[in-house]
Amino acid sequence: MFVGAFNALSPNADSVLWFLDDILPRVRRLLGAEVPFTIAGHDPPAELTRRRVNGVYILGSVADLEPLYDAARVFVAPTRYAAGIPFKVGHAAAHGLPVVVTTLLARQLDWAQEEQLLAADTADAFADACVSLYKDRERWHRLRNGAIARIADEYSASRFSGALAAALSDTPPGPDPSQPERMSS
């Protein structure tokens, strides 16, 4: 499964096209099965929708991802260039889906290989990681549990409250509402 918006500046089209062209055929060959691949996200480009093949489901915008997460076995984020925080990885992990990402995303998240995720940068290594999660129940559960624990720690209400309090304590005080505003000339 993959989730991501497909706007002009997003790396998501490149990610999914690389997965469809170079990784998914390897996964299917290694498993000897037509493993389904679900893609959710608004504005999928024509270049992507033209690649609809058996077992590839391009859904567009989806109001509720939970049923898709429940039906998926592995979440992939084969992002080769990006900036920011890959929330889609955390969202999938929070729903109990183990993830395979590129090392770029693993570094951005600061999650550990074999503890919270699997990371790979070549088509062969990415396919191998997907297949290992698909086949190895113990590894699947270990990575799932590690990612859920990481999400619970990083995005807990107490951690958020602490970070907010720290940010606010570093903010210079605003104007005193009891004093009239002074205009500068």
N, C-alpha and C. Protein backbone atom coordinates (compact mmCIF):
# COMPACT_ATOMS: atom_id res chain seq x y z
N MET A 1 0.83 -1.18 0.00
CA MET A 1 0.00 0.00 0.00
C MET A 1 0.87 1.24 0.00
N PHE A 2 0.38 2.28 -0.66
CA PHE A 2 1.04 3.58 -0.68
C PHE A 2 -0.04 4.64 -0.51
N VAL A 3 0.27 5.68 0.26
CA VAL A 3 -0.62 6.82 0.42
C VAL A 3 0.18 8.08 0.20
N GLY A 4 -0.36 9.00 -0.59
CA GLY A 4 0.30 10.28 -0.79
C GLY A 4 -0.39 11.11 -1.84
N ALA A 5 -0.39 12.41 -1.63
CA ALA A 5 -0.97 13.34 -2.60
C ALA A 5 -0.04 13.48 -3.80
N PHE A 6 -0.63 13.69 -4.94
CA PHE A 6 0.14 13.79 -6.18
C PHE A 6 0.06 15.20 -6.75
N ASN A 7 0.62 16.17 -6.04
CA ASN A 7 0.66 17.52 -6.60
C ASN A 7 1.98 17.73 -7.33
N ALA A 8 2.10 18.85 -7.99
CA ALA A 8 3.24 19.10 -8.87
C ALA A 8 4.59 19.05 -8.15
N LEU A 9 4.66 19.47 -6.92
CA LEU A 9 5.95 19.52 -6.21
C LEU A 9 6.23 18.27 -5.37
N SER A 10 5.31 17.36 -5.35
CA SER A 10 5.44 16.17 -4.52
C SER A 10 6.33 15.12 -5.18
N PRO A 11 7.11 14.39 -4.38
CA PRO A 11 7.90 13.28 -4.91
C PRO A 11 7.09 12.00 -5.06
N ASN A 12 5.80 12.04 -4.77
CA ASN A 12 5.00 10.81 -4.72
C ASN A 12 4.84 10.12 -6.06
N ALA A 13 4.69 10.86 -7.14
CA ALA A 13 4.56 10.21 -8.45
C ALA A 13 5.83 9.44 -8.77
N ASP A 14 6.99 10.06 -8.56
CA ASP A 14 8.26 9.37 -8.79
C ASP A 14 8.34 8.11 -7.93
N SER A 15 7.93 8.21 -6.68
CA SER A 15 7.98 7.07 -5.76
C SER A 15 7.15 5.89 -6.26
N VAL A 16 5.90 6.18 -6.62
CA VAL A 16 4.99 5.12 -7.03
C VAL A 16 5.39 4.54 -8.39
N LEU A 17 5.81 5.39 -9.30
CA LEU A 17 6.23 4.89 -10.62
C LEU A 17 7.45 3.99 -10.49
N TRP A 18 8.40 4.36 -9.66
CA TRP A 18 9.57 3.51 -9.42
C TRP A 18 9.13 2.18 -8.83
N PHE A 19 8.22 2.23 -7.86
CA PHE A 19 7.73 0.99 -7.25
C PHE A 19 7.04 0.11 -8.29
N LEU A 20 6.15 0.71 -9.08
CA LEU A 20 5.41 -0.07 -10.09
C LEU A 20 6.33 -0.65 -11.16
N ASP A 21 7.27 0.14 -11.63
CA ASP A 21 8.12 -0.30 -12.74
C ASP A 21 9.25 -1.23 -12.33
N ASP A 22 9.86 -0.96 -11.18
CA ASP A 22 11.09 -1.67 -10.83
C ASP A 22 10.99 -2.59 -9.62
N ILE A 23 10.10 -2.29 -8.69
CA ILE A 23 10.08 -3.06 -7.45
C ILE A 23 8.95 -4.10 -7.44
N LEU A 24 7.73 -3.69 -7.77
CA LEU A 24 6.60 -4.62 -7.72
C LEU A 24 6.81 -5.86 -8.59
N PRO A 25 7.34 -5.73 -9.81
CA PRO A 25 7.58 -6.97 -10.58
C PRO A 25 8.53 -7.93 -9.87
N ARG A 26 9.54 -7.40 -9.18
CA ARG A 26 10.46 -8.25 -8.42
C ARG A 26 9.74 -8.91 -7.24
N VAL A 27 8.93 -8.13 -6.54
CA VAL A 27 8.17 -8.68 -5.41
C VAL A 27 7.30 -9.84 -5.90
N ARG A 28 6.58 -9.62 -6.97
CA ARG A 28 5.69 -10.65 -7.49
C ARG A 28 6.47 -11.87 -7.96
N ARG A 29 7.61 -11.66 -8.56
CA ARG A 29 8.44 -12.78 -9.01
C ARG A 29 8.96 -13.58 -7.81
N LEU A 30 9.44 -12.87 -6.78
CA LEU A 30 9.97 -13.54 -5.60
C LEU A 30 8.89 -14.30 -4.83
N LEU A 31 7.69 -13.75 -4.78
CA LEU A 31 6.60 -14.42 -4.06
C LEU A 31 5.86 -15.43 -4.93
N GLY A 32 6.05 -15.33 -6.24
CA GLY A 32 5.34 -16.23 -7.13
C GLY A 32 3.85 -15.99 -7.12
N ALA A 33 3.47 -14.74 -6.85
CA ALA A 33 2.05 -14.41 -6.75
C ALA A 33 1.82 -12.98 -7.20
N GLU A 34 0.59 -12.71 -7.61
CA GLU A 34 0.21 -11.36 -8.01
C GLU A 34 -0.23 -10.58 -6.77
N VAL A 35 0.74 -10.09 -6.03
CA VAL A 35 0.47 -9.35 -4.80
C VAL A 35 -0.24 -8.05 -5.17
N PRO A 36 -1.35 -7.73 -4.49
CA PRO A 36 -2.04 -6.48 -4.79
C PRO A 36 -1.25 -5.27 -4.31
N PHE A 37 -1.42 -4.16 -4.99
CA PHE A 37 -0.80 -2.90 -4.60
C PHE A 37 -1.85 -1.82 -4.69
N THR A 38 -2.14 -1.20 -3.55
CA THR A 38 -3.16 -0.16 -3.47
C THR A 38 -2.49 1.20 -3.32
N ILE A 39 -2.95 2.15 -4.12
CA ILE A 39 -2.42 3.51 -4.11
C ILE A 39 -3.58 4.45 -3.80
N ALA A 40 -3.44 5.23 -2.73
CA ALA A 40 -4.46 6.20 -2.36
C ALA A 40 -3.84 7.58 -2.31
N GLY A 41 -4.52 8.55 -2.88
CA GLY A 41 -4.03 9.93 -2.86
C GLY A 41 -4.67 10.75 -3.96
N HIS A 42 -4.97 12.00 -3.65
CA HIS A 42 -5.68 12.81 -4.64
C HIS A 42 -4.77 13.22 -5.81
N ASP A 43 -5.43 13.42 -6.93
CA ASP A 43 -4.80 13.87 -8.17
C ASP A 43 -3.72 12.95 -8.72
N PRO A 44 -3.96 11.64 -8.81
CA PRO A 44 -2.93 10.79 -9.43
C PRO A 44 -2.73 11.22 -10.88
N PRO A 45 -1.49 11.38 -11.30
CA PRO A 45 -1.23 11.85 -12.67
C PRO A 45 -1.58 10.79 -13.71
N ALA A 46 -1.84 11.24 -14.93
CA ALA A 46 -2.17 10.33 -16.03
C ALA A 46 -1.07 9.30 -16.23
N GLU A 47 0.16 9.72 -16.06
CA GLU A 47 1.30 8.81 -16.19
C GLU A 47 1.17 7.61 -15.25
N LEU A 48 0.56 7.83 -14.10
CA LEU A 48 0.33 6.75 -13.15
C LEU A 48 -0.92 5.95 -13.51
N THR A 49 -2.00 6.61 -13.79
CA THR A 49 -3.25 5.90 -14.07
C THR A 49 -3.15 5.04 -15.32
N ARG A 50 -2.26 5.39 -16.23
CA ARG A 50 -2.04 4.55 -17.42
C ARG A 50 -1.38 3.22 -17.08
N ARG A 51 -0.81 3.13 -15.91
CA ARG A 51 -0.10 1.90 -15.51
C ARG A 51 -0.99 0.94 -14.73
N ARG A 52 -2.28 1.13 -14.79
CA ARG A 52 -3.20 0.18 -14.13
C ARG A 52 -3.01 -1.19 -14.75
N VAL A 53 -2.62 -2.12 -13.92
CA VAL A 53 -2.48 -3.51 -14.35
C VAL A 53 -3.19 -4.37 -13.32
N ASN A 54 -3.28 -5.65 -13.58
CA ASN A 54 -3.94 -6.55 -12.64
C ASN A 54 -3.34 -6.41 -11.25
N GLY A 55 -4.22 -6.25 -10.27
CA GLY A 55 -3.77 -6.19 -8.89
C GLY A 55 -3.25 -4.84 -8.45
N VAL A 56 -3.28 -3.82 -9.31
CA VAL A 56 -2.88 -2.47 -8.93
C VAL A 56 -4.14 -1.62 -8.86
N TYR A 57 -4.40 -1.06 -7.69
CA TYR A 57 -5.62 -0.31 -7.45
C TYR A 57 -5.27 1.14 -7.17
N ILE A 58 -5.62 2.02 -8.08
CA ILE A 58 -5.36 3.45 -7.95
C ILE A 58 -6.68 4.10 -7.56
N LEU A 59 -6.80 4.47 -6.29
CA LEU A 59 -8.09 4.87 -5.73
C LEU A 59 -8.35 6.37 -5.76
N GLY A 60 -7.34 7.18 -5.88
CA GLY A 60 -7.56 8.62 -5.75
C GLY A 60 -7.76 8.97 -4.29
N SER A 61 -8.51 10.04 -4.03
CA SER A 61 -8.77 10.47 -2.65
C SER A 61 -9.63 9.44 -1.92
N VAL A 62 -9.28 9.20 -0.68
CA VAL A 62 -10.02 8.25 0.15
C VAL A 62 -10.32 8.94 1.48
N ALA A 63 -11.58 8.98 1.85
CA ALA A 63 -11.98 9.67 3.09
C ALA A 63 -11.48 8.97 4.34
N ASP A 64 -11.49 7.65 4.35
CA ASP A 64 -11.10 6.87 5.52
C ASP A 64 -10.09 5.80 5.10
N LEU A 65 -8.85 5.96 5.52
CA LEU A 65 -7.80 5.02 5.14
C LEU A 65 -7.78 3.75 6.00
N GLU A 66 -8.45 3.77 7.13
CA GLU A 66 -8.38 2.65 8.06
C GLU A 66 -8.71 1.29 7.42
N PRO A 67 -9.78 1.18 6.64
CA PRO A 67 -10.05 -0.12 6.01
C PRO A 67 -8.94 -0.56 5.05
N LEU A 68 -8.29 0.40 4.42
CA LEU A 68 -7.18 0.06 3.52
C LEU A 68 -5.97 -0.44 4.32
N TYR A 69 -5.67 0.25 5.43
CA TYR A 69 -4.58 -0.21 6.29
C TYR A 69 -4.87 -1.61 6.82
N ASP A 70 -6.11 -1.84 7.20
CA ASP A 70 -6.49 -3.15 7.75
C ASP A 70 -6.34 -4.26 6.72
N ALA A 71 -6.53 -3.94 5.44
CA ALA A 71 -6.45 -4.94 4.38
C ALA A 71 -5.04 -5.13 3.85
N ALA A 72 -4.14 -4.21 4.14
CA ALA A 72 -2.78 -4.27 3.61
C ALA A 72 -1.87 -5.09 4.51
N ARG A 73 -0.80 -5.58 3.92
CA ARG A 73 0.19 -6.35 4.68
C ARG A 73 1.45 -5.52 4.94
N VAL A 74 1.81 -4.64 3.97
CA VAL A 74 3.03 -3.84 4.05
C VAL A 74 2.74 -2.45 3.49
N PHE A 75 3.26 -1.42 4.14
CA PHE A 75 3.18 -0.05 3.62
C PHE A 75 4.53 0.29 3.02
N VAL A 76 4.52 0.87 1.83
CA VAL A 76 5.79 1.24 1.18
C VAL A 76 5.85 2.75 0.99
N ALA A 77 7.05 3.28 1.17
CA ALA A 77 7.33 4.68 0.90
C ALA A 77 8.68 4.73 0.17
N PRO A 78 8.66 4.43 -1.13
CA PRO A 78 9.91 4.38 -1.90
C PRO A 78 10.34 5.76 -2.40
N THR A 79 10.39 6.70 -1.49
CA THR A 79 10.66 8.10 -1.81
C THR A 79 12.15 8.32 -2.01
N ARG A 80 12.51 8.81 -3.21
CA ARG A 80 13.93 9.00 -3.53
C ARG A 80 14.40 10.42 -3.31
N TYR A 81 13.48 11.38 -3.22
CA TYR A 81 13.84 12.75 -2.86
C TYR A 81 12.67 13.34 -2.08
N ALA A 82 13.00 14.14 -1.07
CA ALA A 82 11.94 14.69 -0.23
C ALA A 82 12.51 15.73 0.71
N ALA A 83 11.62 16.47 1.32
CA ALA A 83 11.96 17.40 2.39
C ALA A 83 10.81 17.37 3.37
N GLY A 84 11.12 17.57 4.62
CA GLY A 84 10.05 17.59 5.61
C GLY A 84 9.94 16.27 6.34
N ILE A 85 8.83 16.09 6.98
CA ILE A 85 8.60 14.90 7.79
C ILE A 85 7.63 13.98 7.05
N PRO A 86 7.99 12.73 6.86
CA PRO A 86 7.11 11.80 6.14
C PRO A 86 5.97 11.28 7.03
N PHE A 87 4.95 12.14 7.21
CA PHE A 87 3.83 11.78 8.08
C PHE A 87 3.11 10.53 7.61
N LYS A 88 3.11 10.27 6.30
CA LYS A 88 2.39 9.09 5.80
C LYS A 88 2.97 7.81 6.40
N VAL A 89 4.27 7.78 6.65
CA VAL A 89 4.90 6.60 7.25
C VAL A 89 4.42 6.43 8.69
N GLY A 90 4.43 7.52 9.44
CA GLY A 90 3.95 7.47 10.81
C GLY A 90 2.48 7.11 10.90
N HIS A 91 1.70 7.62 9.97
CA HIS A 91 0.26 7.33 9.96
C HIS A 91 0.02 5.84 9.71
N ALA A 92 0.71 5.28 8.74
CA ALA A 92 0.57 3.84 8.46
C ALA A 92 1.04 3.02 9.66
N ALA A 93 2.18 3.40 10.23
CA ALA A 93 2.70 2.66 11.38
C ALA A 93 1.75 2.75 12.57
N ALA A 94 1.14 3.91 12.78
CA ALA A 94 0.20 4.08 13.88
C ALA A 94 -1.03 3.19 13.71
N HIS A 95 -1.32 2.82 12.47
CA HIS A 95 -2.43 1.90 12.20
C HIS A 95 -1.97 0.44 12.18
N GLY A 96 -0.74 0.19 12.63
CA GLY A 96 -0.27 -1.17 12.78
C GLY A 96 0.29 -1.82 11.53
N LEU A 97 0.68 -1.01 10.55
CA LEU A 97 1.20 -1.55 9.30
C LEU A 97 2.72 -1.36 9.25
N PRO A 98 3.50 -2.44 9.19
CA PRO A 98 4.95 -2.30 9.07
C PRO A 98 5.30 -1.59 7.77
N VAL A 99 6.43 -0.88 7.78
CA VAL A 99 6.79 -0.04 6.64
C VAL A 99 8.16 -0.39 6.07
N VAL A 100 8.24 -0.23 4.75
CA VAL A 100 9.51 -0.29 4.04
C VAL A 100 9.69 1.08 3.40
N VAL A 101 10.81 1.71 3.67
CA VAL A 101 11.08 3.06 3.19
C VAL A 101 12.47 3.11 2.58
N THR A 102 12.79 4.24 1.99
CA THR A 102 14.17 4.48 1.56
C THR A 102 14.97 4.96 2.76
N THR A 103 16.28 4.92 2.67
CA THR A 103 17.11 5.39 3.78
C THR A 103 16.92 6.89 3.99
N LEU A 104 16.57 7.62 2.96
CA LEU A 104 16.27 9.04 3.09
C LEU A 104 15.16 9.26 4.13
N LEU A 105 14.07 8.53 3.99
CA LEU A 105 12.97 8.67 4.93
C LEU A 105 13.32 8.12 6.31
N ALA A 106 14.08 7.05 6.36
CA ALA A 106 14.50 6.50 7.65
C ALA A 106 15.33 7.53 8.42
N ARG A 107 16.21 8.25 7.71
CA ARG A 107 17.00 9.31 8.35
C ARG A 107 16.11 10.46 8.80
N GLN A 108 15.15 10.87 7.96
CA GLN A 108 14.26 11.96 8.35
C GLN A 108 13.45 11.61 9.59
N LEU A 109 13.02 10.37 9.69
CA LEU A 109 12.26 9.93 10.85
C LEU A 109 13.15 9.66 12.06
N ASP A 110 14.41 9.33 11.79
CA ASP A 110 15.35 8.90 12.82
C ASP A 110 14.87 7.61 13.49
N TRP A 111 14.32 6.72 12.65
CA TRP A 111 13.89 5.40 13.11
C TRP A 111 14.97 4.39 12.76
N ALA A 112 15.04 3.32 13.52
CA ALA A 112 16.10 2.34 13.38
C ALA A 112 15.71 1.18 12.46
N GLN A 113 16.65 0.84 11.60
CA GLN A 113 16.52 -0.33 10.73
C GLN A 113 16.37 -1.57 11.59
N GLU A 114 15.43 -2.41 11.22
CA GLU A 114 15.15 -3.68 11.92
C GLU A 114 14.49 -3.50 13.28
N GLU A 115 14.28 -2.25 13.71
CA GLU A 115 13.57 -2.03 14.97
C GLU A 115 12.19 -1.43 14.73
N GLN A 116 12.13 -0.37 13.89
CA GLN A 116 10.85 0.26 13.59
C GLN A 116 10.48 0.19 12.12
N LEU A 117 11.43 -0.15 11.26
CA LEU A 117 11.17 -0.18 9.83
C LEU A 117 12.25 -0.95 9.11
N LEU A 118 12.04 -1.13 7.82
CA LEU A 118 13.08 -1.64 6.92
C LEU A 118 13.35 -0.54 5.91
N ALA A 119 14.62 -0.32 5.61
CA ALA A 119 15.00 0.72 4.66
C ALA A 119 15.89 0.12 3.58
N ALA A 120 15.65 0.56 2.35
CA ALA A 120 16.43 0.07 1.21
C ALA A 120 16.40 1.13 0.11
N ASP A 121 17.44 1.15 -0.70
CA ASP A 121 17.53 2.17 -1.75
C ASP A 121 17.59 1.64 -3.17
N THR A 122 17.82 0.36 -3.34
CA THR A 122 17.81 -0.20 -4.69
C THR A 122 16.52 -0.99 -4.88
N ALA A 123 16.15 -1.16 -6.12
CA ALA A 123 14.92 -1.91 -6.41
C ALA A 123 15.00 -3.33 -5.85
N ASP A 124 16.14 -3.98 -6.01
CA ASP A 124 16.29 -5.35 -5.50
C ASP A 124 16.18 -5.39 -3.98
N ALA A 125 16.88 -4.49 -3.30
CA ALA A 125 16.85 -4.48 -1.83
C ALA A 125 15.46 -4.10 -1.31
N PHE A 126 14.80 -3.16 -1.98
CA PHE A 126 13.46 -2.77 -1.56
C PHE A 126 12.49 -3.94 -1.73
N ALA A 127 12.58 -4.63 -2.86
CA ALA A 127 11.72 -5.79 -3.10
C ALA A 127 12.00 -6.88 -2.06
N ASP A 128 13.27 -7.14 -1.78
CA ASP A 128 13.62 -8.14 -0.77
C ASP A 128 13.03 -7.79 0.59
N ALA A 129 13.08 -6.50 0.96
CA ALA A 129 12.53 -6.07 2.24
C ALA A 129 11.01 -6.28 2.28
N CYS A 130 10.34 -5.94 1.20
CA CYS A 130 8.88 -6.14 1.13
C CYS A 130 8.54 -7.63 1.26
N VAL A 131 9.27 -8.45 0.53
CA VAL A 131 9.01 -9.90 0.55
C VAL A 131 9.28 -10.46 1.94
N SER A 132 10.35 -10.00 2.59
CA SER A 132 10.66 -10.53 3.92
C SER A 132 9.55 -10.19 4.91
N LEU A 133 8.99 -8.99 4.82
CA LEU A 133 7.87 -8.64 5.70
C LEU A 133 6.63 -9.44 5.35
N TYR A 134 6.46 -9.70 4.09
CA TYR A 134 5.29 -10.45 3.63
C TYR A 134 5.34 -11.89 4.12
N LYS A 135 6.54 -12.46 4.18
CA LYS A 135 6.69 -13.88 4.52
C LYS A 135 7.01 -14.15 5.99
N ASP A 136 7.76 -13.27 6.64
CA ASP A 136 8.30 -13.53 7.97
C ASP A 136 7.39 -12.92 9.06
N ARG A 137 6.54 -13.75 9.62
CA ARG A 137 5.56 -13.30 10.61
C ARG A 137 6.21 -12.67 11.83
N GLU A 138 7.28 -13.28 12.32
CA GLU A 138 7.96 -12.75 13.52
C GLU A 138 8.54 -11.38 13.23
N ARG A 139 9.18 -11.20 12.10
CA ARG A 139 9.75 -9.90 11.72
C ARG A 139 8.65 -8.86 11.55
N TRP A 140 7.55 -9.27 10.92
CA TRP A 140 6.41 -8.38 10.70
C TRP A 140 5.92 -7.85 12.04
N HIS A 141 5.72 -8.75 13.01
CA HIS A 141 5.22 -8.33 14.32
C HIS A 141 6.25 -7.49 15.08
N ARG A 142 7.52 -7.85 14.99
CA ARG A 142 8.56 -7.08 15.70
C ARG A 142 8.62 -5.65 15.18
N LEU A 143 8.63 -5.48 13.86
CA LEU A 143 8.69 -4.13 13.29
C LEU A 143 7.40 -3.36 13.55
N ARG A 144 6.28 -4.03 13.46
CA ARG A 144 4.99 -3.40 13.76
C ARG A 144 5.00 -2.88 15.19
N ASN A 145 5.36 -3.72 16.14
CA ASN A 145 5.36 -3.32 17.54
C ASN A 145 6.39 -2.22 17.82
N GLY A 146 7.55 -2.31 17.19
CA GLY A 146 8.57 -1.27 17.37
C GLY A 146 8.10 0.08 16.85
N ALA A 147 7.44 0.08 15.70
CA ALA A 147 6.95 1.33 15.13
C ALA A 147 5.81 1.90 15.96
N ILE A 148 4.91 1.05 16.42
CA ILE A 148 3.80 1.53 17.26
C ILE A 148 4.34 2.15 18.54
N ALA A 149 5.33 1.52 19.15
CA ALA A 149 5.93 2.07 20.37
C ALA A 149 6.60 3.41 20.08
N ARG A 150 7.26 3.52 18.95
CA ARG A 150 7.92 4.79 18.58
C ARG A 150 6.89 5.89 18.37
N ILE A 151 5.80 5.56 17.67
CA ILE A 151 4.73 6.53 17.45
C ILE A 151 4.12 6.96 18.79
N ALA A 152 3.86 6.00 19.66
CA ALA A 152 3.26 6.31 20.97
C ALA A 152 4.16 7.25 21.76
N ASP A 153 5.47 7.06 21.66
CA ASP A 153 6.41 7.93 22.37
C ASP A 153 6.50 9.31 21.72
N GLU A 154 6.74 9.34 20.42
CA GLU A 154 6.99 10.61 19.73
C GLU A 154 5.76 11.50 19.61
N TYR A 155 4.59 10.91 19.54
CA TYR A 155 3.38 11.69 19.30
C TYR A 155 2.40 11.62 20.47
N SER A 156 2.90 11.32 21.65
CA SER A 156 2.02 11.24 22.82
C SER A 156 1.56 12.64 23.22
N ALA A 157 0.43 12.70 23.89
CA ALA A 157 -0.11 13.97 24.36
C ALA A 157 0.86 14.65 25.33
N SER A 158 1.50 13.87 26.21
CA SER A 158 2.42 14.47 27.18
C SER A 158 3.66 15.04 26.49
N ARG A 159 4.14 14.35 25.46
CA ARG A 159 5.31 14.87 24.73
C ARG A 159 4.93 16.14 23.96
N PHE A 160 3.75 16.13 23.35
CA PHE A 160 3.28 17.31 22.63
C PHE A 160 3.12 18.49 23.58
N SER A 161 2.49 18.25 24.73
CA SER A 161 2.29 19.32 25.71
C SER A 161 3.62 19.87 26.20
N GLY A 162 4.57 19.00 26.45
CA GLY A 162 5.89 19.43 26.89
C GLY A 162 6.60 20.27 25.83
N ALA A 163 6.51 19.83 24.58
CA ALA A 163 7.15 20.59 23.50
C ALA A 163 6.48 21.95 23.32
N LEU A 164 5.16 21.97 23.44
CA LEU A 164 4.42 23.23 23.31
C LEU A 164 4.79 24.18 24.45
N ALA A 165 4.84 23.67 25.66
CA ALA A 165 5.22 24.50 26.81
C ALA A 165 6.63 25.04 26.65
N ALA A 166 7.55 24.20 26.18
CA ALA A 166 8.92 24.65 25.98
C ALA A 166 8.99 25.73 24.90
N ALA A 167 8.23 25.56 23.82
CA ALA A 167 8.23 26.55 22.75
C ALA A 167 7.65 27.87 23.25
N LEU A 168 6.59 27.79 24.02
CA LEU A 168 5.98 29.02 24.53
C LEU A 168 6.85 29.72 25.56
N SER A 169 7.61 28.97 26.32
CA SER A 169 8.48 29.60 27.32
C SER A 169 9.65 30.31 26.67
N ASP A 170 9.99 29.94 25.44
CA ASP A 170 11.07 30.60 24.70
C ASP A 170 10.58 31.79 23.89
N THR A 171 9.28 32.02 23.90
CA THR A 171 8.70 33.11 23.13
C THR A 171 8.75 34.39 23.94
N PRO A 172 9.26 35.45 23.35
CA PRO A 172 9.28 36.72 24.10
C PRO A 172 7.85 37.17 24.40
N PRO A 173 7.67 37.82 25.51
CA PRO A 173 6.31 38.25 25.86
C PRO A 173 5.78 39.26 24.85
N GLY A 174 4.49 39.25 24.67
CA GLY A 174 3.85 40.20 23.77
C GLY A 174 3.67 41.53 24.48
N PRO A 175 3.00 42.45 23.83
CA PRO A 175 2.78 43.77 24.45
C PRO A 175 1.86 43.64 25.67
N ASP A 176 2.06 44.53 26.61
CA ASP A 176 1.24 44.56 27.81
C ASP A 176 -0.11 45.15 27.44
N PRO A 177 -1.19 44.36 27.57
CA PRO A 177 -2.50 44.86 27.15
C PRO A 177 -3.00 46.04 27.99
N SER A 178 -2.40 46.26 29.17
CA SER A 178 -2.85 47.38 30.00
C SER A 178 -2.20 48.70 29.58
N GLN A 179 -1.22 48.63 28.73
CA GLN A 179 -0.52 49.84 28.27
C GLN A 179 -0.99 50.20 26.87
N PRO A 180 -1.15 51.48 26.58
CA PRO A 180 -1.55 51.88 25.23
C PRO A 180 -0.42 51.56 24.24
N GLU A 181 -0.83 51.20 23.03
CA GLU A 181 0.18 50.91 22.00
C GLU A 181 0.87 52.19 21.59
N ARG A 182 2.15 52.09 21.37
CA ARG A 182 2.90 53.24 20.91
C ARG A 182 3.20 53.07 19.43
N MET A 183 3.04 54.10 18.73
CA MET A 183 3.32 54.10 17.29
C MET A 183 4.76 54.51 17.12
N SER A 184 5.46 53.81 16.28
CA SER A 184 6.84 54.23 15.99
C SER A 184 6.82 55.15 14.80
N SER A 185 7.75 56.08 14.79
CA SER A 185 7.77 57.03 13.68
C SER A 185 8.84 56.72 12.70
